Amino acid sequence: MERPTLHERLLTNVSADETTSVVLGPGRVSRIREVTMYVTTVGAVTSGQVLLETAADPAFTGTWVVLATINPAATDTAYRASVTGVWLALRARVNTAIGGGTVHVDIVGN
């Protein structure tokens, strides 16, 4: 089994609406073809939405393309979404505030 070439925590204990992770740019993701985003709830999360997004330019300030959406709503639970493709920039973003708890967001890729 091939080991992931990308494994990074993008967000830790976040809940605020529009919280955006650091951007993983071409040096980190241009050779990655498969990505899985893990969203782990901390506490009794009742609502919220986390997005995995991409753009052609890591410095782009407009609306990024949504690759995956996770709507966590459970206590201490892990969710995942996987995508394949070619990217120049990836980030995670809390699109709707996380209610009742917080989340961690990790990304793994090959």
Protein backbone atom coordinates (compact mmCIF):
# COMPACT_ATOMS: atom_id res chain seq x y z
CA MET A 1 0.00 0.00 0.00
CA GLU A 2 1.31 3.42 -0.97
CA ARG A 3 1.82 5.91 1.85
CA PRO A 4 0.13 9.30 1.56
CA THR A 5 2.36 11.99 0.13
CA LEU A 6 0.20 14.65 1.77
CA HIS A 7 -1.13 14.46 5.33
CA GLU A 8 -1.85 17.70 7.12
CA ARG A 9 -4.22 19.17 9.69
CA LEU A 10 -5.76 22.22 8.04
CA LEU A 11 -8.04 23.44 10.86
CA THR A 12 -8.08 22.72 14.59
CA ASN A 13 -11.03 23.26 16.97
CA VAL A 14 -12.84 25.74 14.71
CA SER A 15 -16.48 26.73 14.65
CA ALA A 16 -16.72 30.28 13.28
CA ASP A 17 -18.42 30.92 9.95
CA GLU A 18 -15.99 31.57 7.06
CA THR A 19 -12.93 30.23 8.88
CA THR A 20 -10.49 29.39 6.09
CA SER A 21 -7.43 27.14 6.31
CA VAL A 22 -4.00 27.88 4.97
CA VAL A 23 -3.83 27.32 1.21
CA LEU A 24 -1.87 24.34 -0.01
CA GLY A 25 -0.25 25.61 -3.22
CA PRO A 26 1.31 24.00 -6.29
CA GLY A 27 4.43 22.90 -4.42
CA ARG A 28 2.28 20.77 -2.14
CA VAL A 29 -0.61 19.59 -4.33
CA SER A 30 0.30 19.71 -8.03
CA ARG A 31 1.39 16.05 -8.02
CA ILE A 32 -1.51 14.86 -5.85
CA ARG A 33 -4.30 13.07 -7.75
CA GLU A 34 -6.50 11.73 -4.93
CA VAL A 35 -7.46 13.74 -1.85
CA THR A 36 -9.58 12.86 1.16
CA MET A 37 -10.79 15.52 3.58
CA TYR A 38 -11.61 14.31 7.09
CA VAL A 39 -13.85 16.41 9.33
CA THR A 40 -13.90 15.27 12.95
CA THR A 41 -16.43 16.72 15.37
CA VAL A 42 -15.33 17.65 18.88
CA GLY A 43 -18.25 17.66 21.28
CA ALA A 44 -21.93 17.58 20.38
CA VAL A 45 -21.94 19.30 16.99
CA THR A 46 -25.50 20.00 15.86
CA SER A 47 -25.01 21.89 12.61
CA GLY A 48 -22.55 23.44 10.19
CA GLN A 49 -20.84 22.92 6.85
CA VAL A 50 -17.21 22.44 5.82
CA LEU A 51 -16.01 22.72 2.21
CA LEU A 52 -12.94 21.49 0.37
CA GLU A 53 -12.18 24.08 -2.31
CA THR A 54 -9.78 24.67 -5.19
CA ALA A 55 -8.62 27.55 -7.37
CA ALA A 56 -6.10 27.95 -10.20
CA ASP A 57 -4.16 30.56 -8.20
CA PRO A 58 -3.38 30.15 -4.47
CA ALA A 59 -3.71 33.94 -4.04
CA PHE A 60 -7.16 34.09 -5.72
CA THR A 61 -9.52 36.30 -3.67
CA GLY A 62 -12.81 35.46 -5.41
CA THR A 63 -15.16 32.51 -5.01
CA TRP A 64 -13.29 29.18 -5.09
CA VAL A 65 -14.61 25.98 -6.71
CA VAL A 66 -16.24 23.56 -4.25
CA LEU A 67 -14.84 20.01 -4.55
CA ALA A 68 -16.56 18.45 -1.53
CA THR A 69 -19.10 19.35 1.15
CA ILE A 70 -19.48 17.85 4.62
CA ASN A 71 -22.38 18.71 6.95
CA PRO A 72 -21.33 17.42 10.38
CA ALA A 73 -24.02 16.93 13.01
CA ALA A 74 -23.04 14.35 15.63
CA THR A 75 -20.98 13.92 18.79
CA ASP A 76 -17.31 13.00 18.37
CA THR A 77 -17.75 11.62 14.85
CA ALA A 78 -15.48 11.47 11.79
CA TYR A 79 -16.72 12.28 8.28
CA ARG A 80 -14.84 12.03 5.00
CA ALA A 81 -15.11 13.11 1.39
CA SER A 82 -12.76 11.97 -1.37
CA VAL A 83 -12.06 13.55 -4.76
CA THR A 84 -9.77 12.88 -7.70
CA GLY A 85 -8.32 15.43 -10.09
CA VAL A 86 -5.47 17.84 -10.67
CA TRP A 87 -5.12 20.99 -8.54
CA LEU A 88 -2.94 24.04 -8.13
CA ALA A 89 -4.41 25.12 -4.79
CA LEU A 90 -6.57 23.49 -2.10
CA ARG A 91 -8.09 24.80 1.10
CA ALA A 92 -10.77 23.95 3.65
CA ARG A 93 -13.41 26.47 4.72
CA VAL A 94 -16.20 26.54 7.29
CA ASN A 95 -19.07 27.69 5.09
CA THR A 96 -21.73 27.61 7.83
CA ALA A 97 -20.86 28.06 11.50
CA ILE A 98 -20.40 24.85 13.48
CA GLY A 99 -23.08 24.68 16.18
CA GLY A 100 -22.66 23.04 19.58
CA GLY A 101 -18.98 22.13 19.30
CA THR A 102 -15.95 22.43 17.04
CA VAL A 103 -14.29 20.49 14.22
CA HIS A 104 -10.83 19.45 13.12
CA VAL A 105 -10.16 19.24 9.37
CA ASP A 106 -7.39 17.01 7.97
CA ILE A 107 -6.38 16.34 4.39
CA VAL A 108 -4.67 13.22 3.06
CA GLY A 109 -3.58 12.65 -0.53
CA ASN A 110 -1.57 10.60 -3.00
